[in-house]
Amino acid sequence: MYSQFPSATQLFFPVVSKIAALFQKCMNPPALTTVINALEVLEKLQAVVVLSDQKVRDAYQPTMYGRLLVSLPVSLESAIFVIHGANSGYFRESVVLGAIMDTTPFPILQPFGQQVQV
């Protein structure tokens, strides 16, 4: 009876196939090599998995780790930092440092031992 309705996971995180075709519809589409490299990085991070369906070729689905990365309102690097910090027991500290990393890319303006010329 309920099998005809998609699950919550399928609604919010659908299987993405034909990604290159999707990006080609954009006003300024990225290069195909950029899209392929990005997908390879996400696979190495285990943020997405490639489905081995025979019906759909090159279909990607986000993992729980990928969903968690997307849910954080920071950059990918900061999200990875926050998640690893939380796993180590330093959630609050990693959130603060992740926010600093996002808002101020180079927070140290005066290297140790050097004087700033005014």
PDB file of N, CA and C in Angstrom:
ATOM      1  N   MET A   1       0.812  -1.183   0.000  1.00  0.00           N
ATOM      2  CA  MET A   1       0.000   0.000   0.000  1.00  0.00           C
ATOM      3  C   MET A   1       0.867   1.263   0.000  1.00  0.00           C
ATOM      4  N   TYR A   2       1.865   1.302   0.883  1.00  0.00           N
ATOM      5  CA  TYR A   2       2.706   2.487   0.986  1.00  0.00           C
ATOM      6  C   TYR A   2       3.906   2.448   0.042  1.00  0.00           C
ATOM      7  N   SER A   3       4.076   1.365  -0.687  1.00  0.00           N
ATOM      8  CA  SER A   3       5.242   1.247  -1.566  1.00  0.00           C
ATOM      9  C   SER A   3       5.175   2.208  -2.748  1.00  0.00           C
ATOM     10  N   GLN A   4       3.996   2.735  -3.057  1.00  0.00           N
ATOM     11  CA  GLN A   4       3.885   3.648  -4.186  1.00  0.00           C
ATOM     12  C   GLN A   4       4.399   5.047  -3.862  1.00  0.00           C
ATOM     13  N   PHE A   5       4.557   5.356  -2.567  1.00  0.00           N
ATOM     14  CA  PHE A   5       5.040   6.659  -2.153  1.00  0.00           C
ATOM     15  C   PHE A   5       6.548   6.617  -1.937  1.00  0.00           C
ATOM     16  N   PRO A   6       7.273   7.632  -2.370  1.00  0.00           N
ATOM     17  CA  PRO A   6       8.721   7.639  -2.148  1.00  0.00           C
ATOM     18  C   PRO A   6       9.034   7.874  -0.674  1.00  0.00           C
ATOM     19  N   SER A   7      10.163   7.335  -0.246  1.00  0.00           N
ATOM     20  CA  SER A   7      10.580   7.525   1.138  1.00  0.00           C
ATOM     21  C   SER A   7      11.114   8.943   1.317  1.00  0.00           C
ATOM     22  N   ALA A   8      11.302   9.341   2.570  1.00  0.00           N
ATOM     23  CA  ALA A   8      11.823  10.682   2.866  1.00  0.00           C
ATOM     24  C   ALA A   8      13.217  10.846   2.291  1.00  0.00           C
ATOM     25  N   THR A   9      14.019   9.787   2.329  1.00  0.00           N
ATOM     26  CA  THR A   9      15.372   9.852   1.767  1.00  0.00           C
ATOM     27  C   THR A   9      15.320  10.102   0.266  1.00  0.00           C
ATOM     28  N   GLN A  10      14.397   9.449  -0.422  1.00  0.00           N
ATOM     29  CA  GLN A  10      14.283   9.639  -1.867  1.00  0.00           C
ATOM     30  C   GLN A  10      13.763  11.029  -2.208  1.00  0.00           C
ATOM     31  N   LEU A  11      12.929  11.606  -1.348  1.00  0.00           N
ATOM     32  CA  LEU A  11      12.407  12.944  -1.618  1.00  0.00           C
ATOM     33  C   LEU A  11      13.479  14.017  -1.456  1.00  0.00           C
ATOM     34  N   PHE A  12      14.239  13.945  -0.367  1.00  0.00           N
ATOM     35  CA  PHE A  12      15.189  15.005  -0.063  1.00  0.00           C
ATOM     36  C   PHE A  12      16.568  14.768  -0.675  1.00  0.00           C
ATOM     37  N   PHE A  13      16.944  13.521  -0.910  1.00  0.00           N
ATOM     38  CA  PHE A  13      18.253  13.203  -1.471  1.00  0.00           C
ATOM     39  C   PHE A  13      18.071  12.203  -2.606  1.00  0.00           C
ATOM     40  N   PRO A  14      17.558  12.669  -3.732  1.00  0.00           N
ATOM     41  CA  PRO A  14      17.293  11.738  -4.821  1.00  0.00           C
ATOM     42  C   PRO A  14      18.585  11.270  -5.475  1.00  0.00           C
ATOM     43  N   VAL A  15      18.469  10.189  -6.198  1.00  0.00           N
ATOM     44  CA  VAL A  15      19.590   9.691  -6.985  1.00  0.00           C
ATOM     45  C   VAL A  15      19.827  10.660  -8.125  1.00  0.00           C
ATOM     46  N   VAL A  16      21.058  11.081  -8.288  1.00  0.00           N
ATOM     47  CA  VAL A  16      21.382  12.048  -9.323  1.00  0.00           C
ATOM     48  C   VAL A  16      22.078  11.312 -10.460  1.00  0.00           C
ATOM     49  N   SER A  17      21.475  11.332 -11.618  1.00  0.00           N
ATOM     50  CA  SER A  17      22.097  10.732 -12.787  1.00  0.00           C
ATOM     51  C   SER A  17      22.176  11.790 -13.883  1.00  0.00           C
ATOM     52  N   LYS A  18      23.024  11.545 -14.822  1.00  0.00           N
ATOM     53  CA  LYS A  18      23.211  12.480 -15.933  1.00  0.00           C
ATOM     54  C   LYS A  18      23.597  13.871 -15.420  1.00  0.00           C
ATOM     55  N   ILE A  19      24.565  13.905 -14.526  1.00  0.00           N
ATOM     56  CA  ILE A  19      24.965  15.165 -13.900  1.00  0.00           C
ATOM     57  C   ILE A  19      25.526  16.132 -14.934  1.00  0.00           C
ATOM     58  N   ALA A  20      26.308  15.634 -15.849  1.00  0.00           N
ATOM     59  CA  ALA A  20      26.884  16.508 -16.867  1.00  0.00           C
ATOM     60  C   ALA A  20      25.778  17.167 -17.694  1.00  0.00           C
ATOM     61  N   ALA A  21      24.740  16.405 -18.027  1.00  0.00           N
ATOM     62  CA  ALA A  21      23.621  16.969 -18.791  1.00  0.00           C
ATOM     63  C   ALA A  21      22.882  18.021 -17.974  1.00  0.00           C
ATOM     64  N   LEU A  22      22.785  17.800 -16.673  1.00  0.00           N
ATOM     65  CA  LEU A  22      22.129  18.780 -15.806  1.00  0.00           C
ATOM     66  C   LEU A  22      22.905  20.091 -15.794  1.00  0.00           C
ATOM     67  N   PHE A  23      24.226  20.029 -15.662  1.00  0.00           N
ATOM     68  CA  PHE A  23      25.026  21.243 -15.623  1.00  0.00           C
ATOM     69  C   PHE A  23      25.086  21.942 -16.982  1.00  0.00           C
ATOM     70  N   GLN A  24      24.922  21.217 -18.072  1.00  0.00           N
ATOM     71  CA  GLN A  24      24.945  21.837 -19.388  1.00  0.00           C
ATOM     72  C   GLN A  24      23.744  22.747 -19.614  1.00  0.00           C
ATOM     73  N   LYS A  25      22.705  22.600 -18.812  1.00  0.00           N
ATOM     74  CA  LYS A  25      21.525  23.458 -18.925  1.00  0.00           C
ATOM     75  C   LYS A  25      21.716  24.789 -18.204  1.00  0.00           C
ATOM     76  N   CYS A  26      22.813  24.927 -17.456  1.00  0.00           N
ATOM     77  CA  CYS A  26      23.080  26.169 -16.725  1.00  0.00           C
ATOM     78  C   CYS A  26      23.478  27.275 -17.697  1.00  0.00           C
ATOM     79  N   MET A  27      23.359  28.512 -17.233  1.00  0.00           N
ATOM     80  CA  MET A  27      23.725  29.654 -18.069  1.00  0.00           C
ATOM     81  C   MET A  27      25.224  29.649 -18.376  1.00  0.00           C
ATOM     82  N   ASN A  28      26.041  29.392 -17.364  1.00  0.00           N
ATOM     83  CA  ASN A  28      27.492  29.267 -17.534  1.00  0.00           C
ATOM     84  C   ASN A  28      27.916  27.898 -17.030  1.00  0.00           C
ATOM     85  N   PRO A  29      27.805  26.868 -17.855  1.00  0.00           N
ATOM     86  CA  PRO A  29      28.093  25.517 -17.367  1.00  0.00           C
ATOM     87  C   PRO A  29      29.591  25.321 -17.117  1.00  0.00           C
ATOM     88  N   PRO A  30      29.915  24.542 -16.087  1.00  0.00           N
ATOM     89  CA  PRO A  30      31.327  24.247 -15.836  1.00  0.00           C
ATOM     90  C   PRO A  30      31.849  23.263 -16.881  1.00  0.00           C
ATOM     91  N   ALA A  31      33.157  23.205 -16.986  1.00  0.00           N
ATOM     92  CA  ALA A  31      33.759  22.258 -17.923  1.00  0.00           C
ATOM     93  C   ALA A  31      33.466  20.836 -17.456  1.00  0.00           C
ATOM     94  N   LEU A  32      33.376  19.921 -18.392  1.00  0.00           N
ATOM     95  CA  LEU A  32      33.068  18.529 -18.074  1.00  0.00           C
ATOM     96  C   LEU A  32      34.139  17.929 -17.163  1.00  0.00           C
ATOM     97  N   THR A  33      35.395  18.294 -17.389  1.00  0.00           N
ATOM     98  CA  THR A  33      36.468  17.761 -16.537  1.00  0.00           C
ATOM     99  C   THR A  33      36.318  18.251 -15.098  1.00  0.00           C
ATOM    100  N   THR A  34      35.830  19.463 -14.915  1.00  0.00           N
ATOM    101  CA  THR A  34      35.596  19.991 -13.566  1.00  0.00           C
ATOM    102  C   THR A  34      34.528  19.181 -12.844  1.00  0.00           C
ATOM    103  N   VAL A  35      33.455  18.857 -13.540  1.00  0.00           N
ATOM    104  CA  VAL A  35      32.373  18.069 -12.953  1.00  0.00           C
ATOM    105  C   VAL A  35      32.874  16.673 -12.604  1.00  0.00           C
ATOM    106  N   ILE A  36      33.629  16.061 -13.502  1.00  0.00           N
ATOM    107  CA  ILE A  36      34.156  14.712 -13.257  1.00  0.00           C
ATOM    108  C   ILE A  36      35.113  14.722 -12.077  1.00  0.00           C
ATOM    109  N   ASN A  37      35.997  15.717 -12.005  1.00  0.00           N
ATOM    110  CA  ASN A  37      36.933  15.809 -10.882  1.00  0.00           C
ATOM    111  C   ASN A  37      36.200  16.010  -9.562  1.00  0.00           C
ATOM    112  N   ALA A  38      35.156  16.827  -9.559  1.00  0.00           N
ATOM    113  CA  ALA A  38      34.382  17.063  -8.344  1.00  0.00           C
ATOM    114  C   ALA A  38      33.705  15.779  -7.875  1.00  0.00           C
ATOM    115  N   LEU A  39      33.156  15.014  -8.797  1.00  0.00           N
ATOM    116  CA  LEU A  39      32.512  13.756  -8.421  1.00  0.00           C
ATOM    117  C   LEU A  39      33.524  12.753  -7.884  1.00  0.00           C
ATOM    118  N   GLU A  40      34.728  12.735  -8.468  1.00  0.00           N
ATOM    119  CA  GLU A  40      35.778  11.837  -7.972  1.00  0.00           C
ATOM    120  C   GLU A  40      36.195  12.211  -6.552  1.00  0.00           C
ATOM    121  N   VAL A  41      36.297  13.512  -6.287  1.00  0.00           N
ATOM    122  CA  VAL A  41      36.654  13.958  -4.931  1.00  0.00           C
ATOM    123  C   VAL A  41      35.566  13.569  -3.942  1.00  0.00           C
ATOM    124  N   LEU A  42      34.312  13.749  -4.316  1.00  0.00           N
ATOM    125  CA  LEU A  42      33.210  13.376  -3.426  1.00  0.00           C
ATOM    126  C   LEU A  42      33.175  11.873  -3.177  1.00  0.00           C
ATOM    127  N   GLU A  43      33.543  11.087  -4.185  1.00  0.00           N
ATOM    128  CA  GLU A  43      33.633   9.638  -3.995  1.00  0.00           C
ATOM    129  C   GLU A  43      34.759   9.281  -3.031  1.00  0.00           C
ATOM    130  N   LYS A  44      35.913   9.936  -3.178  1.00  0.00           N
ATOM    131  CA  LYS A  44      37.040   9.661  -2.284  1.00  0.00           C
ATOM    132  C   LYS A  44      36.725  10.068  -0.851  1.00  0.00           C
ATOM    133  N   LEU A  45      35.944  11.128  -0.683  1.00  0.00           N
ATOM    134  CA  LEU A  45      35.520  11.557   0.652  1.00  0.00           C
ATOM    135  C   LEU A  45      34.416  10.672   1.214  1.00  0.00           C
ATOM    136  N   GLN A  46      33.901   9.778   0.395  1.00  0.00           N
ATOM    137  CA  GLN A  46      32.771   8.910   0.730  1.00  0.00           C
ATOM    138  C   GLN A  46      31.519   9.721   1.032  1.00  0.00           C
ATOM    139  N   ALA A  47      31.376  10.841   0.328  1.00  0.00           N
ATOM    140  CA  ALA A  47      30.181  11.664   0.456  1.00  0.00           C
ATOM    141  C   ALA A  47      29.084  11.202  -0.503  1.00  0.00           C
ATOM    142  N   VAL A  48      29.472  10.543  -1.581  1.00  0.00           N
ATOM    143  CA  VAL A  48      28.515   9.961  -2.521  1.00  0.00           C
ATOM    144  C   VAL A  48      28.955   8.552  -2.871  1.00  0.00           C
ATOM    145  N   VAL A  49      27.998   7.757  -3.293  1.00  0.00           N
ATOM    146  CA  VAL A  49      28.297   6.417  -3.786  1.00  0.00           C
ATOM    147  C   VAL A  49      27.743   6.299  -5.198  1.00  0.00           C
ATOM    148  N   VAL A  50      28.420   5.523  -5.995  1.00  0.00           N
ATOM    149  CA  VAL A  50      27.956   5.260  -7.359  1.00  0.00           C
ATOM    150  C   VAL A  50      27.063   4.036  -7.301  1.00  0.00           C
ATOM    151  N   LEU A  51      25.867   4.174  -7.805  1.00  0.00           N
ATOM    152  CA  LEU A  51      24.938   3.049  -7.818  1.00  0.00           C
ATOM    153  C   LEU A  51      25.270   2.146  -8.996  1.00  0.00           C
ATOM    154  N   SER A  52      25.179   0.877  -8.764  1.00  0.00           N
ATOM    155  CA  SER A  52      25.503  -0.083  -9.822  1.00  0.00           C
ATOM    156  C   SER A  52      24.238  -0.649 -10.449  1.00  0.00           C
ATOM    157  N   ASP A  53      23.241   0.202 -10.615  1.00  0.00           N
ATOM    158  CA  ASP A  53      22.004  -0.206 -11.277  1.00  0.00           C
ATOM    159  C   ASP A  53      22.255  -0.369 -12.767  1.00  0.00           C
ATOM    160  N   GLN A  54      21.636  -1.337 -13.345  1.00  0.00           N
ATOM    161  CA  GLN A  54      21.741  -1.501 -14.790  1.00  0.00           C
ATOM    162  C   GLN A  54      20.812  -0.534 -15.514  1.00  0.00           C
ATOM    163  N   LYS A  55      19.761  -0.072 -14.817  1.00  0.00           N
ATOM    164  CA  LYS A  55      18.801   0.840 -15.435  1.00  0.00           C
ATOM    165  C   LYS A  55      19.383   2.241 -15.597  1.00  0.00           C
ATOM    166  N   VAL A  56      20.135   2.680 -14.599  1.00  0.00           N
ATOM    167  CA  VAL A  56      20.645   4.046 -14.584  1.00  0.00           C
ATOM    168  C   VAL A  56      22.168   3.990 -14.587  1.00  0.00           C
ATOM    169  N   ARG A  57      22.792   4.615 -15.570  1.00  0.00           N
ATOM    170  CA  ARG A  57      24.258   4.676 -15.621  1.00  0.00           C
ATOM    171  C   ARG A  57      24.726   5.958 -14.971  1.00  0.00           C
ATOM    172  N   ASP A  58      25.849   5.876 -14.302  1.00  0.00           N
ATOM    173  CA  ASP A  58      26.457   7.039 -13.664  1.00  0.00           C
ATOM    174  C   ASP A  58      25.496   7.729 -12.698  1.00  0.00           C
ATOM    175  N   ALA A  59      24.860   6.961 -11.852  1.00  0.00           N
ATOM    176  CA  ALA A  59      23.944   7.521 -10.867  1.00  0.00           C
ATOM    177  C   ALA A  59      24.673   7.640  -9.533  1.00  0.00           C
ATOM    178  N   TYR A  60      24.551   8.781  -8.900  1.00  0.00           N
ATOM    179  CA  TYR A  60      25.206   9.039  -7.624  1.00  0.00           C
ATOM    180  C   TYR A  60      24.148   9.296  -6.569  1.00  0.00           C
ATOM    181  N   GLN A  61      24.394   8.764  -5.383  1.00  0.00           N
ATOM    182  CA  GLN A  61      23.494   9.008  -4.266  1.00  0.00           C
ATOM    183  C   GLN A  61      24.335   9.410  -3.060  1.00  0.00           C
ATOM    184  N   PRO A  62      23.919  10.464  -2.347  1.00  0.00           N
ATOM    185  CA  PRO A  62      24.702  10.888  -1.184  1.00  0.00           C
ATOM    186  C   PRO A  62      24.622   9.868  -0.048  1.00  0.00           C
ATOM    187  N   THR A  63      25.724   9.716   0.667  1.00  0.00           N
ATOM    188  CA  THR A  63      25.763   8.861   1.846  1.00  0.00           C
ATOM    189  C   THR A  63      25.298   9.686   3.048  1.00  0.00           C
ATOM    190  N   MET A  64      25.226   9.055   4.202  1.00  0.00           N
ATOM    191  CA  MET A  64      24.873   9.809   5.420  1.00  0.00           C
ATOM    192  C   MET A  64      25.933  10.870   5.702  1.00  0.00           C
ATOM    193  N   TYR A  65      27.194  10.531   5.460  1.00  0.00           N
ATOM    194  CA  TYR A  65      28.282  11.490   5.651  1.00  0.00           C
ATOM    195  C   TYR A  65      28.114  12.679   4.700  1.00  0.00           C
ATOM    196  N   GLY A  66      27.761  12.401   3.454  1.00  0.00           N
ATOM    197  CA  GLY A  66      27.524  13.471   2.486  1.00  0.00           C
ATOM    198  C   GLY A  66      26.343  14.334   2.858  1.00  0.00           C
ATOM    199  N   ARG A  67      25.290  13.716   3.370  1.00  0.00           N
ATOM    200  CA  ARG A  67      24.120  14.487   3.810  1.00  0.00           C
ATOM    201  C   ARG A  67      24.472  15.389   4.977  1.00  0.00           C
ATOM    202  N   LEU A  68      25.321  14.880   5.869  1.00  0.00           N
ATOM    203  CA  LEU A  68      25.745  15.687   7.008  1.00  0.00           C
ATOM    204  C   LEU A  68      26.611  16.850   6.549  1.00  0.00           C
ATOM    205  N   LEU A  69      27.497  16.615   5.573  1.00  0.00           N
ATOM    206  CA  LEU A  69      28.325  17.693   5.031  1.00  0.00           C
ATOM    207  C   LEU A  69      27.472  18.789   4.405  1.00  0.00           C
ATOM    208  N   VAL A  70      26.443  18.395   3.688  1.00  0.00           N
ATOM    209  CA  VAL A  70      25.570  19.358   3.019  1.00  0.00           C
ATOM    210  C   VAL A  70      24.729  20.140   4.021  1.00  0.00           C
ATOM    211  N   SER A  71      24.370  19.510   5.116  1.00  0.00           N
ATOM    212  CA  SER A  71      23.478  20.166   6.071  1.00  0.00           C
ATOM    213  C   SER A  71      24.161  21.274   6.861  1.00  0.00           C
ATOM    214  N   LEU A  72      25.479  21.289   6.911  1.00  0.00           N
ATOM    215  CA  LEU A  72      26.190  22.336   7.646  1.00  0.00           C
ATOM    216  C   LEU A  72      26.329  23.578   6.774  1.00  0.00           C
ATOM    217  N   PRO A  73      26.026  24.760   7.318  1.00  0.00           N
ATOM    218  CA  PRO A  73      26.056  25.984   6.505  1.00  0.00           C
ATOM    219  C   PRO A  73      27.447  26.605   6.397  1.00  0.00           C
ATOM    220  N   VAL A  74      28.432  25.775   6.100  1.00  0.00           N
ATOM    221  CA  VAL A  74      29.811  26.233   5.943  1.00  0.00           C
ATOM    222  C   VAL A  74      30.386  25.586   4.688  1.00  0.00           C
ATOM    223  N   SER A  75      31.617  25.946   4.342  1.00  0.00           N
ATOM    224  CA  SER A  75      32.256  25.363   3.153  1.00  0.00           C
ATOM    225  C   SER A  75      32.553  23.883   3.391  1.00  0.00           C
ATOM    226  N   LEU A  76      32.911  23.194   2.335  1.00  0.00           N
ATOM    227  CA  LEU A  76      33.183  21.761   2.431  1.00  0.00           C
ATOM    228  C   LEU A  76      34.340  21.476   3.384  1.00  0.00           C
ATOM    229  N   GLU A  77      35.416  22.258   3.276  1.00  0.00           N
ATOM    230  CA  GLU A  77      36.572  22.043   4.144  1.00  0.00           C
ATOM    231  C   GLU A  77      36.212  22.258   5.607  1.00  0.00           C
ATOM    232  N   SER A  78      35.448  23.308   5.874  1.00  0.00           N
ATOM    233  CA  SER A  78      35.040  23.584   7.247  1.00  0.00           C
ATOM    234  C   SER A  78      34.074  22.519   7.765  1.00  0.00           C
ATOM    235  N   ALA A  79      33.194  22.034   6.909  1.00  0.00           N
ATOM    236  CA  ALA A  79      32.257  20.987   7.325  1.00  0.00           C
ATOM    237  C   ALA A  79      33.002  19.706   7.688  1.00  0.00           C
ATOM    238  N   ILE A  80      33.999  19.351   6.894  1.00  0.00           N
ATOM    239  CA  ILE A  80      34.811  18.172   7.205  1.00  0.00           C
ATOM    240  C   ILE A  80      35.510  18.366   8.539  1.00  0.00           C
ATOM    241  N   PHE A  81      36.058  19.557   8.754  1.00  0.00           N
ATOM    242  CA  PHE A  81      36.745  19.884  10.004  1.00  0.00           C
ATOM    243  C   PHE A  81      35.790  19.763  11.195  1.00  0.00           C
ATOM    244  N   VAL A  82      34.581  20.301  11.057  1.00  0.00           N
ATOM    245  CA  VAL A  82      33.606  20.271  12.145  1.00  0.00           C
ATOM    246  C   VAL A  82      33.191  18.835  12.461  1.00  0.00           C
ATOM    247  N   ILE A  83      32.953  18.035  11.444  1.00  0.00           N
ATOM    248  CA  ILE A  83      32.525  16.654  11.672  1.00  0.00           C
ATOM    249  C   ILE A  83      33.623  15.843  12.349  1.00  0.00           C
ATOM    250  N   HIS A  84      34.856  15.991  11.892  1.00  0.00           N
ATOM    251  CA  HIS A  84      35.961  15.251  12.521  1.00  0.00           C
ATOM    252  C   HIS A  84      36.201  15.746  13.946  1.00  0.00           C
ATOM    253  N   GLY A  85      36.045  17.053  14.176  1.00  0.00           N
ATOM    254  CA  GLY A  85      36.169  17.578  15.532  1.00  0.00           C
ATOM    255  C   GLY A  85      35.084  17.042  16.445  1.00  0.00           C
ATOM    256  N   ALA A  86      33.864  16.952  15.928  1.00  0.00           N
ATOM    257  CA  ALA A  86      32.756  16.421  16.725  1.00  0.00           C
ATOM    258  C   ALA A  86      32.979  14.949  17.049  1.00  0.00           C
ATOM    259  N   ASN A  87      33.511  14.190  16.092  1.00  0.00           N
ATOM    260  CA  ASN A  87      33.809  12.780  16.340  1.00  0.00           C
ATOM    261  C   ASN A  87      34.890  12.610  17.395  1.00  0.00           C
ATOM    262  N   SER A  88      35.778  13.590  17.521  1.00  0.00           N
ATOM    263  CA  SER A  88      36.851  13.530  18.502  1.00  0.00           C
ATOM    264  C   SER A  88      36.424  14.060  19.864  1.00  0.00           C
ATOM    265  N   GLY A  89      35.208  14.583  19.960  1.00  0.00           N
ATOM    266  CA  GLY A  89      34.716  15.085  21.228  1.00  0.00           C
ATOM    267  C   GLY A  89      34.887  16.576  21.416  1.00  0.00           C
ATOM    268  N   TYR A  90      35.222  17.286  20.353  1.00  0.00           N
ATOM    269  CA  TYR A  90      35.439  18.734  20.422  1.00  0.00           C
ATOM    270  C   TYR A  90      34.445  19.467  19.532  1.00  0.00           C
ATOM    271  N   PHE A  91      33.165  19.202  19.750  1.00  0.00           N
ATOM    272  CA  PHE A  91      32.138  19.762  18.874  1.00  0.00           C
ATOM    273  C   PHE A  91      32.120  21.286  18.932  1.00  0.00           C
ATOM    274  N   ARG A  92      32.011  21.843  20.124  1.00  0.00           N
ATOM    275  CA  ARG A  92      31.896  23.302  20.243  1.00  0.00           C
ATOM    276  C   ARG A  92      33.122  24.002  19.675  1.00  0.00           C
ATOM    277  N   GLU A  93      34.289  23.483  20.003  1.00  0.00           N
ATOM    278  CA  GLU A  93      35.518  24.104  19.520  1.00  0.00           C
ATOM    279  C   GLU A  93      35.635  24.024  18.001  1.00  0.00           C
ATOM    280  N   SER A  94      35.250  22.872  17.446  1.00  0.00           N
ATOM    281  CA  SER A  94      35.352  22.723  15.993  1.00  0.00           C
ATOM    282  C   SER A  94      34.336  23.599  15.263  1.00  0.00           C
ATOM    283  N   VAL A  95      33.165  23.812  15.853  1.00  0.00           N
ATOM    284  CA  VAL A  95      32.170  24.692  15.234  1.00  0.00           C
ATOM    285  C   VAL A  95      32.695  26.128  15.206  1.00  0.00           C
ATOM    286  N   VAL A  96      33.278  26.576  16.315  1.00  0.00           N
ATOM    287  CA  VAL A  96      33.812  27.939  16.363  1.00  0.00           C
ATOM    288  C   VAL A  96      34.954  28.097  15.367  1.00  0.00           C
ATOM    289  N   LEU A  97      35.884  27.143  15.355  1.00  0.00           N
ATOM    290  CA  LEU A  97      37.006  27.248  14.426  1.00  0.00           C
ATOM    291  C   LEU A  97      36.561  27.110  12.967  1.00  0.00           C
ATOM    292  N   GLY A  98      35.548  26.277  12.714  1.00  0.00           N
ATOM    293  CA  GLY A  98      35.004  26.163  11.355  1.00  0.00           C
ATOM    294  C   GLY A  98      34.378  27.460  10.882  1.00  0.00           C
ATOM    295  N   ALA A  99      33.674  28.144  11.788  1.00  0.00           N
ATOM    296  CA  ALA A  99      33.081  29.441  11.432  1.00  0.00           C
ATOM    297  C   ALA A  99      34.163  30.482  11.172  1.00  0.00           C
ATOM    298  N   ILE A 100      35.227  30.452  11.983  1.00  0.00           N
ATOM    299  CA  ILE A 100      36.342  31.382  11.757  1.00  0.00           C
ATOM    300  C   ILE A 100      37.009  31.090  10.420  1.00  0.00           C
ATOM    301  N   MET A 101      37.181  29.810  10.096  1.00  0.00           N
ATOM    302  CA  MET A 101      37.798  29.442   8.819  1.00  0.00           C
ATOM    303  C   MET A 101      36.965  29.942   7.641  1.00  0.00           C
ATOM    304  N   ASP A 102      35.645  29.936   7.784  1.00  0.00           N
ATOM    305  CA  ASP A 102      34.780  30.376   6.688  1.00  0.00           C
ATOM    306  C   ASP A 102      34.739  31.886   6.543  1.00  0.00           C
ATOM    307  N   THR A 103      34.702  32.596   7.642  1.00  0.00           N
ATOM    308  CA  THR A 103      34.568  34.049   7.560  1.00  0.00           C
ATOM    309  C   THR A 103      35.898  34.753   7.350  1.00  0.00           C
ATOM    310  N   THR A 104      36.974  34.179   7.849  1.00  0.00           N
ATOM    311  CA  THR A 104      38.294  34.788   7.735  1.00  0.00           C
ATOM    312  C   THR A 104      39.265  33.733   7.217  1.00  0.00           C
ATOM    313  N   PRO A 105      39.528  33.699   5.915  1.00  0.00           N
ATOM    314  CA  PRO A 105      40.391  32.649   5.374  1.00  0.00           C
ATOM    315  C   PRO A 105      41.801  32.650   5.965  1.00  0.00           C
ATOM    316  N   PHE A 106      42.333  33.815   6.281  1.00  0.00           N
ATOM    317  CA  PHE A 106      43.672  33.912   6.852  1.00  0.00           C
ATOM    318  C   PHE A 106      43.575  34.685   8.162  1.00  0.00           C
ATOM    319  N   PRO A 107      43.197  34.010   9.265  1.00  0.00           N
ATOM    320  CA  PRO A 107      42.959  34.747  10.516  1.00  0.00           C
ATOM    321  C   PRO A 107      44.223  35.321  11.144  1.00  0.00           C
ATOM    322  N   ILE A 108      45.405  34.802  10.804  1.00  0.00           N
ATOM    323  CA  ILE A 108      46.642  35.315  11.391  1.00  0.00           C
ATOM    324  C   ILE A 108      47.229  36.342  10.430  1.00  0.00           C
ATOM    325  N   LEU A 109      47.150  37.609  10.818  1.00  0.00           N
ATOM    326  CA  LEU A 109      47.658  38.681   9.960  1.00  0.00           C
ATOM    327  C   LEU A 109      49.097  39.038  10.299  1.00  0.00           C
ATOM    328  N   GLN A 110      49.532  38.743  11.500  1.00  0.00           N
ATOM    329  CA  GLN A 110      50.882  39.085  11.924  1.00  0.00           C
ATOM    330  C   GLN A 110      51.602  37.803  12.321  1.00  0.00           C
ATOM    331  N   PRO A 111      52.464  37.288  11.461  1.00  0.00           N
ATOM    332  CA  PRO A 111      53.201  36.081  11.817  1.00  0.00           C
ATOM    333  C   PRO A 111      54.072  36.313  13.048  1.00  0.00           C
ATOM    334  N   PHE A 112      54.326  35.259  13.776  1.00  0.00           N
ATOM    335  CA  PHE A 112      55.088  35.349  15.006  1.00  0.00           C
ATOM    336  C   PHE A 112      56.487  35.913  14.737  1.00  0.00           C
ATOM    337  N   GLY A 113      56.874  36.910  15.528  1.00  0.00           N
ATOM    338  CA  GLY A 113      58.210  37.469  15.433  1.00  0.00           C
ATOM    339  C   GLY A 113      58.361  38.586  14.433  1.00  0.00           C
ATOM    340  N   GLN A 114      57.307  38.961  13.710  1.00  0.00           N
ATOM    341  CA  GLN A 114      57.398  40.036  12.750  1.00  0.00           C
ATOM    342  C   GLN A 114      56.514  41.205  13.190  1.00  0.00           C
ATOM    343  N   GLN A 115      56.982  42.395  12.981  1.00  0.00           N
ATOM    344  CA  GLN A 115      56.230  43.601  13.325  1.00  0.00           C
ATOM    345  C   GLN A 115      55.467  44.096  12.105  1.00  0.00           C
ATOM    346  N   VAL A 116      54.255  44.555  12.332  1.00  0.00           N
ATOM    347  CA  VAL A 116      53.442  45.108  11.252  1.00  0.00           C
ATOM    348  C   VAL A 116      53.843  46.564  11.068  1.00  0.00           C
ATOM    349  N   GLN A 117      54.137  46.954   9.805  1.00  0.00           N
ATOM    350  CA  GLN A 117      54.495  48.338   9.488  1.00  0.00           C
ATOM    351  C   GLN A 117      53.212  49.137   9.290  1.00  0.00           C
ATOM    352  N   VAL A 118      53.097  50.248  10.016  1.00  0.00           N
ATOM    353  CA  VAL A 118      51.899  51.078   9.912  1.00  0.00           C
ATOM    354  C   VAL A 118      52.165  52.291   9.072  1.00  0.00           C
TER     355      VAL A 118
END
